[in-house]
Amino acid sequence: MEPEKSLPEPGRSEPGRPEGCLVVAVRLPVRIVVLLLVLPVRMVWDALVVGGRFLNDTVLRPAGRALLWAGRVLLVWPLVGLWRYVLVPLARALAWLGNVLVVVPLVWTYRWVLTPVGHALLWAGRGVWAGLEWLYASVLAPIGRGCVWVLRGIGAGLAALGGWGYAGAAWLVRYLLVVPALWVYRWVLTPVGHALLWVGRGVGFVLYWGARGIGFCLYWVVRVLVVLPAAALWRWVLVPVGSVLAFVGREVWDALGHAWRIAGRISLAVGRFLATLVRWTFVEPARWVYRSVLTPVGHAVRDAVLRPCAEAGRAVGRATRQALASARESVRQARADVRRMLFGEPRKREAVARREPRAAETRTLGSSTTALTKD
């Protein structure tokens, strides 16, 4: 709990917010009542916060670290070992087998079987296409041109024979179909279409002005029956009520803020009082007992009992180590004596000539140690 900022005086208004005596008279009882209601909540909240921090520091955090370590030992390390020493070698072995058993045979098949077969098929396809082109250019095209020429000759002959019949058929079609159709379109369909268009314009004019009049009437009906009452309700009822409720809510919110801060200070004072009481009731007596009673007793026990016991233990250990060392040396000597009685003295090593020159034969500026330049 940290100390809060300085609180404004109850009768002083905040800057930019004009207030009167009625507001102050309403605010003071509200803040007193809210403080009485909020103070127990704030004290319970502070107690829960302190208990939660203590629980987090003493129980939850060590338990979380223990669970983290257990999860690392039971899950992470086995999974890492499984991945590193099982899955990765297995995957590499499978990749090698796939390369040897699948990729290499497929590459060999593509290079030495499919590629030559494809080249052969391409060469054969090119030959077949060249043959087809030659067949089209040398055989089919001349035959087609000859057929077209024959058909053109036959068509020209038929046109020369049937010219008079074609002119008669055209005259009959013109005077039996075209001329009557034009007359019906000009003297029947056009007037009927104009009449229908005039009737449609009249009906549209009537419908337009009728819909406009009905809309005007509905506009005034809705305005008089809905809009004006709603505007009056909003202006004369909802806005004042909303202003009052906003003022009350703002005052209650400010009162809650002030009460929460004041309750925090009271809770801080109560907490400090309880901490001081616990300190002088339990902590300081326990510290005095530890410092004035237990520490001298412990020092006396250490100097009178523990240190002599430790010195005696170290002396016994040194004697034991010396006895064991002498026993090992005796056993080693006995084994050497038995080996000499059974197998004789060990063979001495022959002295090997040193490769480095001796001190008297060192190389100098006036002499040499080589065989060629030696005196």
Protein backbone atom coordinates (compact mmCIF):
# COMPACT_ATOMS: atom_id res chain seq x y z
CA MET A 1 0.00 0.00 0.00
CA GLU A 2 1.50 3.31 -1.11
CA PRO A 3 0.49 6.72 0.30
CA GLU A 4 -2.07 8.41 -1.91
CA LYS A 5 -1.96 11.93 -3.30
CA SER A 6 -3.25 14.85 -1.26
CA LEU A 7 -7.03 15.04 -1.21
CA PRO A 8 -8.85 18.30 -2.06
CA GLU A 9 -10.89 19.96 0.60
CA PRO A 10 -14.52 18.86 0.73
CA GLY A 11 -15.98 22.32 0.11
CA ARG A 12 -13.61 23.33 -2.69
CA SER A 13 -14.62 22.56 -6.30
CA GLU A 14 -12.25 21.28 -8.95
CA PRO A 15 -10.94 23.79 -11.53
CA GLY A 16 -13.20 24.36 -14.55
CA ARG A 17 -16.28 23.00 -12.77
CA PRO A 18 -18.57 25.56 -11.11
CA GLU A 19 -20.52 24.16 -8.16
CA GLY A 20 -22.87 25.62 -5.57
CA CYS A 21 -23.77 25.06 -1.97
CA LEU A 22 -26.40 22.47 -2.92
CA VAL A 23 -23.77 20.32 -4.60
CA VAL A 24 -21.51 20.52 -1.54
CA ALA A 25 -24.44 19.76 0.76
CA VAL A 26 -25.23 16.64 -1.29
CA ARG A 27 -21.60 15.62 -1.67
CA LEU A 28 -20.61 15.50 2.01
CA PRO A 29 -23.28 12.97 3.18
CA VAL A 30 -22.72 10.86 0.09
CA ARG A 31 -18.96 10.69 0.71
CA ILE A 32 -19.45 9.87 4.41
CA VAL A 33 -21.89 7.04 3.60
CA VAL A 34 -19.69 5.72 0.81
CA LEU A 35 -16.62 5.81 3.10
CA LEU A 36 -18.46 3.75 5.72
CA LEU A 37 -19.40 1.24 3.01
CA VAL A 38 -16.03 1.14 1.25
CA LEU A 39 -13.75 0.98 4.31
CA PRO A 40 -14.46 -2.71 5.17
CA VAL A 41 -14.09 -3.65 1.50
CA ARG A 42 -10.74 -1.84 1.24
CA MET A 43 -9.41 -3.44 4.43
CA VAL A 44 -10.48 -6.90 3.26
CA TRP A 45 -8.89 -6.16 -0.14
CA ASP A 46 -5.59 -5.08 1.45
CA ALA A 47 -5.61 -8.16 3.68
CA LEU A 48 -6.18 -10.37 0.65
CA VAL A 49 -3.36 -8.60 -1.22
CA VAL A 50 -0.92 -9.13 1.67
CA GLY A 51 -2.02 -12.76 2.04
CA GLY A 52 -1.69 -13.31 -1.69
CA ARG A 53 1.82 -11.88 -1.75
CA PHE A 54 2.84 -14.01 1.22
CA LEU A 55 1.27 -17.09 -0.37
CA ASN A 56 3.00 -16.30 -3.68
CA ASP A 57 6.41 -15.84 -2.06
CA THR A 58 6.22 -18.86 0.27
CA VAL A 59 4.09 -21.43 -1.57
CA LEU A 60 3.24 -20.68 -5.19
CA ARG A 61 6.65 -19.58 -6.42
CA PRO A 62 8.58 -22.53 -4.85
CA ALA A 63 5.85 -24.89 -6.02
CA GLY A 64 6.09 -23.40 -9.52
CA ARG A 65 9.86 -23.82 -9.54
CA ALA A 66 9.49 -27.41 -8.35
CA LEU A 67 6.88 -28.11 -11.04
CA LEU A 68 9.11 -26.45 -13.64
CA TRP A 69 12.06 -28.60 -12.59
CA ALA A 70 9.87 -31.73 -12.54
CA GLY A 71 8.49 -30.89 -15.98
CA ARG A 72 11.99 -30.33 -17.29
CA VAL A 73 13.20 -33.64 -15.84
CA LEU A 74 10.12 -35.69 -16.76
CA LEU A 75 9.23 -34.14 -20.12
CA VAL A 76 11.84 -31.86 -21.65
CA TRP A 77 14.96 -33.93 -21.08
CA PRO A 78 13.34 -37.24 -22.21
CA LEU A 79 11.94 -35.52 -25.29
CA VAL A 80 15.30 -33.91 -26.05
CA GLY A 81 17.04 -37.26 -25.59
CA LEU A 82 14.42 -38.99 -27.76
CA TRP A 83 14.83 -36.35 -30.47
CA ARG A 84 18.62 -36.24 -30.33
CA TYR A 85 19.47 -39.92 -29.87
CA VAL A 86 16.50 -41.70 -31.51
CA LEU A 87 14.57 -39.61 -33.99
CA VAL A 88 17.50 -37.76 -35.59
CA PRO A 89 19.60 -40.94 -36.21
CA LEU A 90 16.47 -42.78 -37.38
CA ALA A 91 15.60 -39.94 -39.75
CA ARG A 92 19.15 -39.86 -41.10
CA ALA A 93 19.08 -43.63 -41.61
CA LEU A 94 15.71 -43.40 -43.39
CA ALA A 95 17.01 -40.54 -45.54
CA TRP A 96 20.05 -42.60 -46.48
CA LEU A 97 17.88 -45.62 -47.31
CA GLY A 98 15.48 -43.44 -49.32
CA ASN A 99 18.39 -41.98 -51.24
CA VAL A 100 19.91 -45.40 -51.91
CA LEU A 101 16.67 -47.29 -52.62
CA VAL A 102 14.54 -44.62 -54.33
CA VAL A 103 16.40 -41.53 -55.50
CA VAL A 104 19.45 -43.22 -57.03
CA PRO A 105 17.38 -45.84 -58.97
CA LEU A 106 14.98 -43.15 -60.18
CA VAL A 107 17.84 -40.92 -61.34
CA TRP A 108 19.48 -43.87 -63.07
CA THR A 109 16.17 -44.85 -64.75
CA TYR A 110 15.53 -41.28 -65.90
CA ARG A 111 19.06 -40.83 -67.23
CA TRP A 112 19.65 -44.19 -68.93
CA VAL A 113 16.09 -45.38 -69.79
CA LEU A 114 13.50 -42.59 -70.03
CA THR A 115 15.77 -40.01 -71.67
CA PRO A 116 16.85 -42.27 -74.60
CA VAL A 117 13.26 -43.53 -75.03
CA GLY A 118 11.96 -39.93 -75.03
CA HIS A 119 14.55 -38.88 -77.61
CA ALA A 120 13.57 -41.84 -79.80
CA LEU A 121 9.85 -41.01 -79.51
CA LEU A 122 10.58 -37.35 -80.32
CA TRP A 123 12.56 -38.33 -83.41
CA ALA A 124 9.74 -40.69 -84.52
CA GLY A 125 7.10 -37.95 -83.89
CA ARG A 126 9.08 -35.48 -85.96
CA GLY A 127 9.27 -38.02 -88.82
CA VAL A 128 5.51 -38.70 -88.66
CA TRP A 129 4.76 -34.95 -88.64
CA ALA A 130 7.02 -34.41 -91.67
CA GLY A 131 5.18 -37.24 -93.48
CA LEU A 132 1.80 -35.74 -92.68
CA GLU A 133 2.93 -32.31 -93.91
CA TRP A 134 4.14 -33.83 -97.14
CA LEU A 135 0.85 -35.75 -97.57
CA TYR A 136 -1.18 -32.55 -97.00
CA ALA A 137 0.94 -30.40 -99.32
CA SER A 138 1.40 -32.94 -102.10
CA VAL A 139 -1.88 -34.93 -102.10
CA LEU A 140 -4.77 -33.46 -100.10
CA ALA A 141 -4.33 -29.77 -101.07
CA PRO A 142 -4.34 -30.42 -104.87
CA ILE A 143 -7.39 -32.71 -104.51
CA GLY A 144 -9.26 -30.02 -102.49
CA ARG A 145 -8.44 -27.30 -105.03
CA GLY A 146 -9.72 -29.49 -107.86
CA CYS A 147 -13.00 -30.18 -105.99
CA VAL A 148 -13.50 -26.44 -105.35
CA TRP A 149 -12.92 -25.63 -109.02
CA VAL A 150 -15.46 -28.28 -110.09
CA LEU A 151 -18.07 -27.04 -107.63
CA ARG A 152 -17.60 -23.43 -108.78
CA GLY A 153 -18.23 -24.50 -112.36
CA ILE A 154 -21.36 -26.38 -111.37
CA GLY A 155 -22.66 -23.34 -109.37
CA ALA A 156 -22.02 -20.96 -112.26
CA GLY A 157 -24.00 -23.23 -114.62
CA LEU A 158 -26.93 -23.47 -112.25
CA ALA A 159 -26.98 -19.68 -111.75
CA ALA A 160 -27.02 -19.11 -115.51
CA LEU A 161 -29.97 -21.52 -115.94
CA GLY A 162 -32.09 -20.19 -112.99
CA GLY A 163 -31.74 -16.37 -113.26
CA TRP A 164 -35.32 -15.69 -114.50
CA GLY A 165 -36.88 -17.86 -111.78
CA TYR A 166 -34.96 -15.99 -109.07
CA ALA A 167 -36.27 -12.57 -110.25
CA GLY A 168 -39.87 -13.84 -110.18
CA ALA A 169 -39.55 -15.24 -106.68
CA ALA A 170 -38.09 -11.92 -105.43
CA TRP A 171 -41.07 -9.94 -106.93
CA LEU A 172 -43.60 -12.28 -105.29
CA VAL A 173 -41.90 -12.01 -101.88
CA ARG A 174 -41.79 -8.21 -102.09
CA TYR A 175 -45.50 -7.68 -102.96
CA LEU A 176 -46.90 -10.54 -100.86
CA LEU A 177 -44.85 -10.05 -97.63
CA VAL A 178 -42.80 -6.86 -97.45
CA VAL A 179 -45.37 -4.31 -98.67
CA PRO A 180 -48.22 -5.63 -96.41
CA ALA A 181 -45.89 -5.77 -93.41
CA LEU A 182 -44.82 -2.12 -93.93
CA TRP A 183 -48.47 -1.01 -94.25
CA VAL A 184 -49.48 -2.83 -91.03
CA TYR A 185 -46.53 -1.30 -89.16
CA ARG A 186 -47.22 2.25 -90.41
CA TRP A 187 -51.04 2.44 -90.15
CA VAL A 188 -51.81 -0.04 -87.32
CA LEU A 189 -48.95 -0.69 -84.92
CA THR A 190 -47.59 2.88 -84.78
CA PRO A 191 -50.92 4.57 -83.80
CA VAL A 192 -51.66 1.82 -81.28
CA GLY A 193 -48.20 2.29 -79.73
CA HIS A 194 -48.65 6.07 -79.51
CA ALA A 195 -52.03 5.60 -77.80
CA LEU A 196 -50.59 3.15 -75.29
CA LEU A 197 -47.69 5.51 -74.59
CA TRP A 198 -50.11 8.45 -73.95
CA VAL A 199 -52.25 6.30 -71.62
CA GLY A 200 -49.12 5.13 -69.73
CA ARG A 201 -47.95 8.74 -69.29
CA GLY A 202 -51.37 9.74 -67.88
CA VAL A 203 -51.43 6.80 -65.48
CA GLY A 204 -47.87 7.58 -64.35
CA PHE A 205 -48.79 11.27 -63.78
CA VAL A 206 -51.82 10.28 -61.68
CA LEU A 207 -49.83 7.73 -59.68
CA TYR A 208 -46.96 10.18 -59.11
CA TRP A 209 -49.13 12.97 -57.75
CA GLY A 210 -51.26 10.52 -55.76
CA ALA A 211 -48.16 9.00 -54.11
CA ARG A 212 -46.79 12.48 -53.44
CA GLY A 213 -50.01 13.56 -51.73
CA ILE A 214 -50.17 10.37 -49.69
CA GLY A 215 -46.52 10.83 -48.67
CA PHE A 216 -47.17 14.45 -47.65
CA CYS A 217 -50.11 13.35 -45.49
CA LEU A 218 -48.13 10.51 -43.92
CA TYR A 219 -45.22 12.91 -43.26
CA TRP A 220 -47.40 15.30 -41.29
CA VAL A 221 -49.19 12.46 -39.49
CA VAL A 222 -45.85 10.91 -38.38
CA ARG A 223 -44.45 14.31 -37.47
CA VAL A 224 -47.45 15.28 -35.38
CA LEU A 225 -48.01 11.87 -33.76
CA VAL A 226 -44.41 10.62 -33.33
CA VAL A 227 -41.66 13.19 -33.94
CA LEU A 228 -43.04 16.16 -31.99
CA PRO A 229 -43.99 14.04 -28.92
CA ALA A 230 -40.62 12.27 -29.04
CA ALA A 231 -38.77 15.62 -29.31
CA ALA A 232 -40.79 17.04 -26.41
CA LEU A 233 -40.15 13.90 -24.34
CA TRP A 234 -36.43 14.09 -25.09
CA ARG A 235 -36.15 17.83 -24.43
CA TRP A 236 -38.36 18.19 -21.36
CA VAL A 237 -38.07 14.75 -19.67
CA LEU A 238 -35.10 12.63 -20.71
CA VAL A 239 -32.49 15.40 -20.84
CA PRO A 240 -33.26 16.74 -17.31
CA VAL A 241 -33.52 13.22 -15.87
CA GLY A 242 -30.27 12.25 -17.61
CA SER A 243 -28.53 15.34 -16.29
CA VAL A 244 -29.67 14.55 -12.75
CA LEU A 245 -28.62 10.90 -13.08
CA ALA A 246 -25.26 11.93 -14.58
CA PHE A 247 -24.70 14.35 -11.70
CA VAL A 248 -25.59 11.67 -9.14
CA GLY A 249 -23.44 9.06 -10.86
CA ARG A 250 -20.49 11.47 -11.11
CA GLU A 251 -20.79 12.39 -7.46
CA VAL A 252 -21.06 8.73 -6.45
CA TRP A 253 -18.00 7.88 -8.59
CA ASP A 254 -16.00 10.75 -7.07
CA ALA A 255 -17.15 9.71 -3.62
CA LEU A 256 -16.06 6.14 -4.31
CA GLY A 257 -12.61 7.37 -5.43
CA HIS A 258 -12.16 9.57 -2.36
CA ALA A 259 -13.49 6.86 -0.05
CA TRP A 260 -11.17 4.26 -1.64
CA ARG A 261 -8.14 6.51 -1.12
CA ILE A 262 -9.11 7.43 2.46
CA ALA A 263 -9.82 3.76 3.21
CA GLY A 264 -6.39 2.94 1.81
CA ARG A 265 -4.77 5.35 4.24
CA ILE A 266 -6.79 3.96 7.13
CA SER A 267 -5.95 0.40 6.07
CA LEU A 268 -2.28 1.38 5.81
CA ALA A 269 -2.35 2.78 9.33
CA VAL A 270 -4.14 -0.32 10.65
CA GLY A 271 -1.65 -2.57 8.86
CA ARG A 272 1.30 -0.69 10.28
CA PHE A 273 -0.24 -0.85 13.76
CA LEU A 274 -0.80 -4.62 13.44
CA ALA A 275 2.73 -5.10 12.05
CA THR A 276 4.18 -3.11 14.97
CA LEU A 277 2.05 -5.06 17.42
CA VAL A 278 3.19 -8.41 15.95
CA ARG A 279 6.77 -7.18 15.92
CA TRP A 280 6.83 -6.16 19.60
CA THR A 281 4.69 -9.13 20.65
CA PHE A 282 6.42 -12.00 18.81
CA VAL A 283 9.42 -10.91 16.69
CA GLU A 284 11.36 -8.84 19.23
CA PRO A 285 10.91 -11.39 22.09
CA ALA A 286 11.94 -14.20 19.73
CA ARG A 287 14.96 -12.16 18.56
CA TRP A 288 15.91 -11.36 22.21
CA VAL A 289 15.58 -15.04 23.16
CA TYR A 290 17.70 -16.07 20.17
CA ARG A 291 20.33 -13.40 20.79
CA SER A 292 20.47 -13.51 24.60
CA VAL A 293 19.69 -17.17 25.38
CA LEU A 294 20.08 -19.51 22.44
CA THR A 295 23.24 -17.97 20.98
CA PRO A 296 25.29 -18.17 24.25
CA VAL A 297 23.98 -21.68 24.91
CA GLY A 298 24.90 -22.69 21.37
CA HIS A 299 28.39 -21.21 21.70
CA ALA A 300 28.87 -23.01 25.00
CA VAL A 301 27.70 -26.32 23.53
CA ARG A 302 29.98 -25.76 20.54
CA ASP A 303 33.04 -24.96 22.68
CA ALA A 304 32.39 -27.59 25.35
CA VAL A 305 31.01 -30.51 23.37
CA LEU A 306 31.14 -30.17 19.59
CA ARG A 307 34.71 -28.99 19.14
CA PRO A 308 36.23 -31.65 21.47
CA CYS A 309 34.15 -34.30 19.70
CA ALA A 310 35.34 -32.99 16.34
CA GLU A 311 38.99 -32.95 17.50
CA ALA A 312 38.62 -36.51 18.83
CA GLY A 313 37.04 -37.60 15.55
CA ARG A 314 39.84 -36.00 13.52
CA ALA A 315 42.47 -37.66 15.76
CA VAL A 316 40.77 -41.05 15.34
CA GLY A 317 40.67 -40.45 11.59
CA ARG A 318 44.38 -39.61 11.43
CA ALA A 319 45.26 -42.68 13.50
CA THR A 320 43.07 -44.85 11.31
CA ARG A 321 44.65 -43.45 8.11
CA GLN A 322 48.17 -44.00 9.51
CA ALA A 323 47.28 -47.57 10.53
CA LEU A 324 45.84 -48.27 7.09
CA ALA A 325 48.91 -46.74 5.39
CA SER A 326 51.28 -48.89 7.49
CA ALA A 327 49.15 -51.97 6.78
CA ARG A 328 49.27 -51.25 3.03
CA GLU A 329 53.03 -50.76 3.18
CA SER A 330 53.44 -54.07 5.07
CA VAL A 331 51.28 -55.88 2.50
CA ARG A 332 53.30 -54.32 -0.34
CA GLN A 333 56.60 -55.43 1.24
CA ALA A 334 55.24 -58.96 1.82
CA ARG A 335 54.14 -59.21 -1.81
CA ALA A 336 57.58 -58.04 -2.97
CA ASP A 337 59.31 -60.62 -0.77
CA VAL A 338 57.06 -63.42 -2.07
CA ARG A 339 57.72 -62.35 -5.67
CA ARG A 340 61.52 -62.36 -5.08
CA MET A 341 61.36 -65.86 -3.46
CA LEU A 342 59.32 -67.27 -6.34
CA PHE A 343 60.79 -65.54 -9.39
CA GLY A 344 64.12 -64.17 -8.17
CA GLU A 345 65.45 -60.65 -8.37
CA PRO A 346 64.01 -58.56 -11.21
CA ARG A 347 66.27 -57.87 -14.18
CA LYS A 348 68.00 -54.53 -14.06
CA ARG A 349 67.54 -52.20 -16.98
CA GLU A 350 70.57 -51.54 -19.17
CA ALA A 351 71.80 -47.99 -19.37
CA VAL A 352 70.99 -46.41 -22.73
CA ALA A 353 73.49 -43.98 -24.28
CA ARG A 354 72.21 -40.47 -24.24
CA ARG A 355 71.63 -38.79 -27.58
CA GLU A 356 72.58 -35.34 -26.28
CA PRO A 357 76.29 -34.43 -26.17
CA ARG A 358 77.91 -34.48 -22.76
CA ALA A 359 79.12 -31.35 -21.07
CA ALA A 360 82.76 -31.92 -22.11
CA GLU A 361 81.83 -32.45 -25.79
CA THR A 362 79.56 -29.51 -26.35
CA ARG A 363 79.77 -27.69 -29.69
CA THR A 364 81.86 -24.47 -29.71
CA LEU A 365 82.96 -21.96 -32.33
CA GLY A 366 86.48 -23.49 -32.68
CA SER A 367 85.54 -27.17 -32.70
CA SER A 368 82.89 -29.48 -34.18
CA THR A 369 81.27 -32.70 -33.08
CA THR A 370 80.58 -34.10 -36.55
CA ALA A 371 82.65 -37.00 -37.96
CA LEU A 372 83.90 -35.06 -41.00
CA THR A 373 85.23 -31.95 -39.26
CA LYS A 374 86.43 -33.56 -36.02
CA ASP A 375 90.24 -33.31 -35.35
